Amino acid sequence: APIHAQARALGERVVLAGFAAEADLPALYSGALCLAFPSLYEGFGLPVLEGMACGVPVLTSNVSSLPEVAGDAALMVDPHS
């Protein structure tokens, strides 16, 4: 997939974690420089709150429930651009 090729080109600076066990999430979030969550639709957006709870800056979409969930605490982007 194109996203994996782009991530590989950036070396260790970008990690596409894929599935992670719930017990591992706090360590993954806490070790991150930021959480990029560019979703097109979310029913709630729990990863955004989990990242914030771990003190990680969040970049997320300005669609669906995400602006309400993140409020002013995240950087919002248009996922279609």
PDB file of N, CA and C in Angstrom:
ATOM      1  N   ALA A   1       0.845  -1.187   0.000  1.00  0.00           N
ATOM      2  CA  ALA A   1       0.000   0.000   0.000  1.00  0.00           C
ATOM      3  C   ALA A   1       0.885   1.243   0.000  1.00  0.00           C
ATOM      4  N   PRO A   2       0.445   2.323  -0.624  1.00  0.00           N
ATOM      5  CA  PRO A   2       1.253   3.541  -0.719  1.00  0.00           C
ATOM      6  C   PRO A   2       1.658   4.116   0.641  1.00  0.00           C
ATOM      7  N   ILE A   3       0.781   4.060   1.625  1.00  0.00           N
ATOM      8  CA  ILE A   3       1.108   4.646   2.930  1.00  0.00           C
ATOM      9  C   ILE A   3       2.286   3.921   3.573  1.00  0.00           C
ATOM     10  N   HIS A   4       2.372   2.618   3.382  1.00  0.00           N
ATOM     11  CA  HIS A   4       3.484   1.861   3.957  1.00  0.00           C
ATOM     12  C   HIS A   4       4.805   2.230   3.282  1.00  0.00           C
ATOM     13  N   ALA A   5       4.784   2.445   1.985  1.00  0.00           N
ATOM     14  CA  ALA A   5       5.992   2.862   1.265  1.00  0.00           C
ATOM     15  C   ALA A   5       6.438   4.238   1.730  1.00  0.00           C
ATOM     16  N   GLN A   6       5.487   5.149   1.928  1.00  0.00           N
ATOM     17  CA  GLN A   6       5.824   6.486   2.406  1.00  0.00           C
ATOM     18  C   GLN A   6       6.408   6.427   3.811  1.00  0.00           C
ATOM     19  N   ALA A   7       5.839   5.597   4.671  1.00  0.00           N
ATOM     20  CA  ALA A   7       6.346   5.465   6.038  1.00  0.00           C
ATOM     21  C   ALA A   7       7.757   4.879   6.030  1.00  0.00           C
ATOM     22  N   ARG A   8       8.002   3.881   5.194  1.00  0.00           N
ATOM     23  CA  ARG A   8       9.350   3.289   5.103  1.00  0.00           C
ATOM     24  C   ARG A   8      10.368   4.327   4.646  1.00  0.00           C
ATOM     25  N   ALA A   9       9.963   5.215   3.747  1.00  0.00           N
ATOM     26  CA  ALA A   9      10.869   6.246   3.248  1.00  0.00           C
ATOM     27  C   ALA A   9      11.288   7.216   4.349  1.00  0.00           C
ATOM     28  N   LEU A  10      10.487   7.342   5.381  1.00  0.00           N
ATOM     29  CA  LEU A  10      10.801   8.234   6.498  1.00  0.00           C
ATOM     30  C   LEU A  10      11.622   7.545   7.577  1.00  0.00           C
ATOM     31  N   GLY A  11      11.909   6.274   7.379  1.00  0.00           N
ATOM     32  CA  GLY A  11      12.737   5.543   8.336  1.00  0.00           C
ATOM     33  C   GLY A  11      12.024   5.344   9.658  1.00  0.00           C
ATOM     34  N   GLU A  12      12.748   5.563  10.737  1.00  0.00           N
ATOM     35  CA  GLU A  12      12.210   5.321  12.075  1.00  0.00           C
ATOM     36  C   GLU A  12      11.349   6.467  12.596  1.00  0.00           C
ATOM     37  N   ARG A  13      11.221   7.542  11.822  1.00  0.00           N
ATOM     38  CA  ARG A  13      10.458   8.699  12.302  1.00  0.00           C
ATOM     39  C   ARG A  13       8.964   8.460  12.316  1.00  0.00           C
ATOM     40  N   VAL A  14       8.470   7.520  11.495  1.00  0.00           N
ATOM     41  CA  VAL A  14       7.038   7.218  11.442  1.00  0.00           C
ATOM     42  C   VAL A  14       6.843   5.736  11.720  1.00  0.00           C
ATOM     43  N   VAL A  15       5.938   5.439  12.636  1.00  0.00           N
ATOM     44  CA  VAL A  15       5.617   4.052  12.963  1.00  0.00           C
ATOM     45  C   VAL A  15       4.137   3.829  12.682  1.00  0.00           C
ATOM     46  N   LEU A  16       3.841   2.876  11.813  1.00  0.00           N
ATOM     47  CA  LEU A  16       2.462   2.451  11.592  1.00  0.00           C
ATOM     48  C   LEU A  16       2.275   1.224  12.470  1.00  0.00           C
ATOM     49  N   ALA A  17       1.738   1.427  13.647  1.00  0.00           N
ATOM     50  CA  ALA A  17       1.712   0.374  14.662  1.00  0.00           C
ATOM     51  C   ALA A  17       0.767  -0.767  14.319  1.00  0.00           C
ATOM     52  N   GLY A  18      -0.282  -0.500  13.556  1.00  0.00           N
ATOM     53  CA  GLY A  18      -1.255  -1.561  13.296  1.00  0.00           C
ATOM     54  C   GLY A  18      -1.977  -1.926  14.575  1.00  0.00           C
ATOM     55  N   PHE A  19      -2.420  -3.185  14.677  1.00  0.00           N
ATOM     56  CA  PHE A  19      -3.129  -3.615  15.875  1.00  0.00           C
ATOM     57  C   PHE A  19      -2.167  -3.666  17.053  1.00  0.00           C
ATOM     58  N   ALA A  20      -2.634  -3.198  18.190  1.00  0.00           N
ATOM     59  CA  ALA A  20      -1.860  -3.287  19.431  1.00  0.00           C
ATOM     60  C   ALA A  20      -2.804  -3.723  20.539  1.00  0.00           C
ATOM     61  N   ALA A  21      -2.320  -4.571  21.403  1.00  0.00           N
ATOM     62  CA  ALA A  21      -3.120  -5.011  22.543  1.00  0.00           C
ATOM     63  C   ALA A  21      -3.411  -3.815  23.440  1.00  0.00           C
ATOM     64  N   GLU A  22      -4.580  -3.815  24.041  1.00  0.00           N
ATOM     65  CA  GLU A  22      -4.989  -2.693  24.892  1.00  0.00           C
ATOM     66  C   GLU A  22      -3.967  -2.406  25.984  1.00  0.00           C
ATOM     67  N   ALA A  23      -3.362  -3.438  26.537  1.00  0.00           N
ATOM     68  CA  ALA A  23      -2.377  -3.257  27.607  1.00  0.00           C
ATOM     69  C   ALA A  23      -1.121  -2.533  27.116  1.00  0.00           C
ATOM     70  N   ASP A  24      -0.848  -2.587  25.809  1.00  0.00           N
ATOM     71  CA  ASP A  24       0.345  -1.947  25.247  1.00  0.00           C
ATOM     72  C   ASP A  24       0.113  -0.494  24.843  1.00  0.00           C
ATOM     73  N   LEU A  25      -1.137  -0.068  24.767  1.00  0.00           N
ATOM     74  CA  LEU A  25      -1.445   1.269  24.253  1.00  0.00           C
ATOM     75  C   LEU A  25      -0.812   2.403  25.049  1.00  0.00           C
ATOM     76  N   PRO A  26      -0.886   2.418  26.382  1.00  0.00           N
ATOM     77  CA  PRO A  26      -0.267   3.542  27.103  1.00  0.00           C
ATOM     78  C   PRO A  26       1.218   3.716  26.786  1.00  0.00           C
ATOM     79  N   ALA A  27       1.961   2.633  26.670  1.00  0.00           N
ATOM     80  CA  ALA A  27       3.387   2.734  26.345  1.00  0.00           C
ATOM     81  C   ALA A  27       3.591   3.258  24.931  1.00  0.00           C
ATOM     82  N   LEU A  28       2.772   2.807  23.988  1.00  0.00           N
ATOM     83  CA  LEU A  28       2.885   3.295  22.613  1.00  0.00           C
ATOM     84  C   LEU A  28       2.574   4.785  22.536  1.00  0.00           C
ATOM     85  N   TYR A  29       1.479   5.197  23.161  1.00  0.00           N
ATOM     86  CA  TYR A  29       1.118   6.620  23.154  1.00  0.00           C
ATOM     87  C   TYR A  29       2.192   7.457  23.840  1.00  0.00           C
ATOM     88  N   SER A  30       2.634   7.028  25.011  1.00  0.00           N
ATOM     89  CA  SER A  30       3.603   7.804  25.786  1.00  0.00           C
ATOM     90  C   SER A  30       4.942   7.935  25.072  1.00  0.00           C
ATOM     91  N   GLY A  31       5.293   6.961  24.248  1.00  0.00           N
ATOM     92  CA  GLY A  31       6.551   7.018  23.520  1.00  0.00           C
ATOM     93  C   GLY A  31       6.473   7.773  22.210  1.00  0.00           C
ATOM     94  N   ALA A  32       5.288   8.246  21.856  1.00  0.00           N
ATOM     95  CA  ALA A  32       5.100   8.932  20.573  1.00  0.00           C
ATOM     96  C   ALA A  32       5.355  10.430  20.691  1.00  0.00           C
ATOM     97  N   LEU A  33       5.831  11.024  19.613  1.00  0.00           N
ATOM     98  CA  LEU A  33       5.956  12.479  19.552  1.00  0.00           C
ATOM     99  C   LEU A  33       4.605  13.115  19.290  1.00  0.00           C
ATOM    100  N   CYS A  34       3.739  12.403  18.569  1.00  0.00           N
ATOM    101  CA  CYS A  34       2.376  12.859  18.338  1.00  0.00           C
ATOM    102  C   CYS A  34       1.532  11.671  17.884  1.00  0.00           C
ATOM    103  N   LEU A  35       0.225  11.835  17.969  1.00  0.00           N
ATOM    104  CA  LEU A  35      -0.724  10.847  17.465  1.00  0.00           C
ATOM    105  C   LEU A  35      -1.410  11.458  16.254  1.00  0.00           C
ATOM    106  N   ALA A  36      -1.220  10.850  15.099  1.00  0.00           N
ATOM    107  CA  ALA A  36      -1.907  11.282  13.882  1.00  0.00           C
ATOM    108  C   ALA A  36      -3.087  10.344  13.669  1.00  0.00           C
ATOM    109  N   PHE A  37      -4.290  10.905  13.707  1.00  0.00           N
ATOM    110  CA  PHE A  37      -5.512  10.108  13.602  1.00  0.00           C
ATOM    111  C   PHE A  37      -6.403  10.720  12.523  1.00  0.00           C
ATOM    112  N   PRO A  38      -6.042  10.532  11.232  1.00  0.00           N
ATOM    113  CA  PRO A  38      -6.772  11.167  10.131  1.00  0.00           C
ATOM    114  C   PRO A  38      -7.960  10.344   9.647  1.00  0.00           C
ATOM    115  N   SER A  39      -8.961  10.224  10.460  1.00  0.00           N
ATOM    116  CA  SER A  39     -10.119   9.390  10.150  1.00  0.00           C
ATOM    117  C   SER A  39     -11.137  10.137   9.288  1.00  0.00           C
ATOM    118  N   LEU A  40     -11.827   9.387   8.431  1.00  0.00           N
ATOM    119  CA  LEU A  40     -12.918   9.967   7.646  1.00  0.00           C
ATOM    120  C   LEU A  40     -14.239   9.904   8.394  1.00  0.00           C
ATOM    121  N   TYR A  41     -14.392   8.929   9.290  1.00  0.00           N
ATOM    122  CA  TYR A  41     -15.606   8.826  10.101  1.00  0.00           C
ATOM    123  C   TYR A  41     -15.282   8.094  11.391  1.00  0.00           C
ATOM    124  N   GLU A  42     -15.763   8.618  12.487  1.00  0.00           N
ATOM    125  CA  GLU A  42     -15.609   7.972  13.790  1.00  0.00           C
ATOM    126  C   GLU A  42     -16.913   8.095  14.550  1.00  0.00           C
ATOM    127  N   GLY A  43     -17.315   7.011  15.163  1.00  0.00           N
ATOM    128  CA  GLY A  43     -18.483   7.059  16.029  1.00  0.00           C
ATOM    129  C   GLY A  43     -18.191   7.836  17.298  1.00  0.00           C
ATOM    130  N   PHE A  44     -16.971   7.677  17.824  1.00  0.00           N
ATOM    131  CA  PHE A  44     -16.595   8.424  19.024  1.00  0.00           C
ATOM    132  C   PHE A  44     -15.179   8.971  18.947  1.00  0.00           C
ATOM    133  N   GLY A  45     -14.203   8.182  18.596  1.00  0.00           N
ATOM    134  CA  GLY A  45     -12.831   8.683  18.517  1.00  0.00           C
ATOM    135  C   GLY A  45     -12.023   8.435  19.771  1.00  0.00           C
ATOM    136  N   LEU A  46     -12.176   7.272  20.364  1.00  0.00           N
ATOM    137  CA  LEU A  46     -11.481   6.936  21.604  1.00  0.00           C
ATOM    138  C   LEU A  46      -9.960   7.083  21.513  1.00  0.00           C
ATOM    139  N   PRO A  47      -9.295   6.720  20.408  1.00  0.00           N
ATOM    140  CA  PRO A  47      -7.840   6.905  20.357  1.00  0.00           C
ATOM    141  C   PRO A  47      -7.401   8.348  20.594  1.00  0.00           C
ATOM    142  N   VAL A  48      -8.206   9.304  20.183  1.00  0.00           N
ATOM    143  CA  VAL A  48      -7.882  10.711  20.419  1.00  0.00           C
ATOM    144  C   VAL A  48      -7.821  10.986  21.917  1.00  0.00           C
ATOM    145  N   LEU A  49      -8.814  10.522  22.654  1.00  0.00           N
ATOM    146  CA  LEU A  49      -8.820  10.717  24.107  1.00  0.00           C
ATOM    147  C   LEU A  49      -7.700   9.945  24.785  1.00  0.00           C
ATOM    148  N   GLU A  50      -7.429   8.738  24.311  1.00  0.00           N
ATOM    149  CA  GLU A  50      -6.352   7.936  24.896  1.00  0.00           C
ATOM    150  C   GLU A  50      -5.005   8.631  24.706  1.00  0.00           C
ATOM    151  N   GLY A  51      -4.765   9.158  23.524  1.00  0.00           N
ATOM    152  CA  GLY A  51      -3.526   9.886  23.278  1.00  0.00           C
ATOM    153  C   GLY A  51      -3.406  11.107  24.164  1.00  0.00           C
ATOM    154  N   MET A  52      -4.478  11.870  24.268  1.00  0.00           N
ATOM    155  CA  MET A  52      -4.463  13.056  25.133  1.00  0.00           C
ATOM    156  C   MET A  52      -4.210  12.680  26.587  1.00  0.00           C
ATOM    157  N   ALA A  53      -4.823  11.588  27.037  1.00  0.00           N
ATOM    158  CA  ALA A  53      -4.644  11.145  28.424  1.00  0.00           C
ATOM    159  C   ALA A  53      -3.189  10.779  28.709  1.00  0.00           C
ATOM    160  N   CYS A  54      -2.459  10.386  27.673  1.00  0.00           N
ATOM    161  CA  CYS A  54      -1.037  10.039  27.828  1.00  0.00           C
ATOM    162  C   CYS A  54      -0.130  11.239  27.566  1.00  0.00           C
ATOM    163  N   GLY A  55      -0.724  12.406  27.343  1.00  0.00           N
ATOM    164  CA  GLY A  55       0.054  13.623  27.153  1.00  0.00           C
ATOM    165  C   GLY A  55       0.655  13.789  25.770  1.00  0.00           C
ATOM    166  N   VAL A  56       0.098  13.096  24.780  1.00  0.00           N
ATOM    167  CA  VAL A  56       0.631  13.154  23.418  1.00  0.00           C
ATOM    168  C   VAL A  56      -0.137  14.205  22.612  1.00  0.00           C
ATOM    169  N   PRO A  57       0.554  15.105  21.914  1.00  0.00           N
ATOM    170  CA  PRO A  57      -0.147  16.025  21.018  1.00  0.00           C
ATOM    171  C   PRO A  57      -0.895  15.227  19.948  1.00  0.00           C
ATOM    172  N   VAL A  58      -2.109  15.682  19.618  1.00  0.00           N
ATOM    173  CA  VAL A  58      -2.967  14.940  18.692  1.00  0.00           C
ATOM    174  C   VAL A  58      -3.248  15.764  17.445  1.00  0.00           C
ATOM    175  N   LEU A  59      -3.112  15.108  16.302  1.00  0.00           N
ATOM    176  CA  LEU A  59      -3.501  15.642  15.005  1.00  0.00           C
ATOM    177  C   LEU A  59      -4.633  14.753  14.519  1.00  0.00           C
ATOM    178  N   THR A  60      -5.806  15.337  14.289  1.00  0.00           N
ATOM    179  CA  THR A  60      -6.953  14.524  13.890  1.00  0.00           C
ATOM    180  C   THR A  60      -7.816  15.253  12.869  1.00  0.00           C
ATOM    181  N   SER A  61      -8.803  14.572  12.367  1.00  0.00           N
ATOM    182  CA  SER A  61      -9.688  15.112  11.334  1.00  0.00           C
ATOM    183  C   SER A  61     -10.715  16.077  11.917  1.00  0.00           C
ATOM    184  N   ASN A  62     -11.151  16.995  11.076  1.00  0.00           N
ATOM    185  CA  ASN A  62     -12.173  17.955  11.486  1.00  0.00           C
ATOM    186  C   ASN A  62     -13.560  17.500  11.043  1.00  0.00           C
ATOM    187  N   VAL A  63     -13.785  16.184  11.016  1.00  0.00           N
ATOM    188  CA  VAL A  63     -15.065  15.629  10.578  1.00  0.00           C
ATOM    189  C   VAL A  63     -15.644  14.719  11.650  1.00  0.00           C
ATOM    190  N   SER A  64     -16.900  14.381  11.463  1.00  0.00           N
ATOM    191  CA  SER A  64     -17.592  13.423  12.319  1.00  0.00           C
ATOM    192  C   SER A  64     -17.592  13.903  13.769  1.00  0.00           C
ATOM    193  N   SER A  65     -17.363  13.014  14.706  1.00  0.00           N
ATOM    194  CA  SER A  65     -17.403  13.357  16.130  1.00  0.00           C
ATOM    195  C   SER A  65     -16.088  13.928  16.641  1.00  0.00           C
ATOM    196  N   LEU A  66     -15.044  13.895  15.834  1.00  0.00           N
ATOM    197  CA  LEU A  66     -13.710  14.231  16.329  1.00  0.00           C
ATOM    198  C   LEU A  66     -13.550  15.665  16.822  1.00  0.00           C
ATOM    199  N   PRO A  67     -14.102  16.689  16.163  1.00  0.00           N
ATOM    200  CA  PRO A  67     -13.978  18.035  16.724  1.00  0.00           C
ATOM    201  C   PRO A  67     -14.618  18.163  18.109  1.00  0.00           C
ATOM    202  N   GLU A  68     -15.736  17.488  18.311  1.00  0.00           N
ATOM    203  CA  GLU A  68     -16.398  17.539  19.617  1.00  0.00           C
ATOM    204  C   GLU A  68     -15.588  16.791  20.670  1.00  0.00           C
ATOM    205  N   VAL A  69     -15.033  15.652  20.298  1.00  0.00           N
ATOM    206  CA  VAL A  69     -14.242  14.850  21.234  1.00  0.00           C
ATOM    207  C   VAL A  69     -12.954  15.577  21.610  1.00  0.00           C
ATOM    208  N   ALA A  70     -12.246  16.117  20.628  1.00  0.00           N
ATOM    209  CA  ALA A  70     -10.942  16.732  20.875  1.00  0.00           C
ATOM    210  C   ALA A  70     -11.039  18.173  21.343  1.00  0.00           C
ATOM    211  N   GLY A  71     -12.084  18.862  20.948  1.00  0.00           N
ATOM    212  CA  GLY A  71     -12.211  20.265  21.321  1.00  0.00           C
ATOM    213  C   GLY A  71     -11.035  21.078  20.806  1.00  0.00           C
ATOM    214  N   ASP A  72     -10.541  21.983  21.647  1.00  0.00           N
ATOM    215  CA  ASP A  72      -9.409  22.833  21.277  1.00  0.00           C
ATOM    216  C   ASP A  72      -8.071  22.183  21.612  1.00  0.00           C
ATOM    217  N   ALA A  73      -8.088  20.946  22.087  1.00  0.00           N
ATOM    218  CA  ALA A  73      -6.863  20.289  22.550  1.00  0.00           C
ATOM    219  C   ALA A  73      -6.112  19.560  21.444  1.00  0.00           C
ATOM    220  N   ALA A  74      -6.618  19.595  20.210  1.00  0.00           N
ATOM    221  CA  ALA A  74      -5.958  18.893  19.106  1.00  0.00           C
ATOM    222  C   ALA A  74      -5.860  19.807  17.895  1.00  0.00           C
ATOM    223  N   LEU A  75      -4.928  19.496  17.032  1.00  0.00           N
ATOM    224  CA  LEU A  75      -4.817  20.185  15.759  1.00  0.00           C
ATOM    225  C   LEU A  75      -5.723  19.465  14.772  1.00  0.00           C
ATOM    226  N   MET A  76      -6.653  20.196  14.168  1.00  0.00           N
ATOM    227  CA  MET A  76      -7.634  19.614  13.247  1.00  0.00           C
ATOM    228  C   MET A  76      -7.210  19.848  11.799  1.00  0.00           C
ATOM    229  N   VAL A  77      -7.393  18.812  10.978  1.00  0.00           N
ATOM    230  CA  VAL A  77      -7.080  18.910   9.554  1.00  0.00           C
ATOM    231  C   VAL A  77      -8.236  18.347   8.739  1.00  0.00           C
ATOM    232  N   ASP A  78      -8.315  18.772   7.494  1.00  0.00           N
ATOM    233  CA  ASP A  78      -9.310  18.241   6.568  1.00  0.00           C
ATOM    234  C   ASP A  78      -8.770  16.929   6.000  1.00  0.00           C
ATOM    235  N   PRO A  79      -9.403  15.790   6.281  1.00  0.00           N
ATOM    236  CA  PRO A  79      -8.867  14.514   5.813  1.00  0.00           C
ATOM    237  C   PRO A  79      -8.994  14.318   4.303  1.00  0.00           C
ATOM    238  N   HIS A  80      -9.728  15.194   3.646  1.00  0.00           N
ATOM    239  CA  HIS A  80      -9.910  15.085   2.202  1.00  0.00           C
ATOM    240  C   HIS A  80      -8.883  15.903   1.426  1.00  0.00           C
ATOM    241  N   SER A  81      -8.038  16.648   2.130  1.00  0.00           N
ATOM    242  CA  SER A  81      -7.057  17.485   1.415  1.00  0.00           C
ATOM    243  C   SER A  81      -5.693  16.851   1.377  1.00  0.00           C
TER     244      SER A  81
END
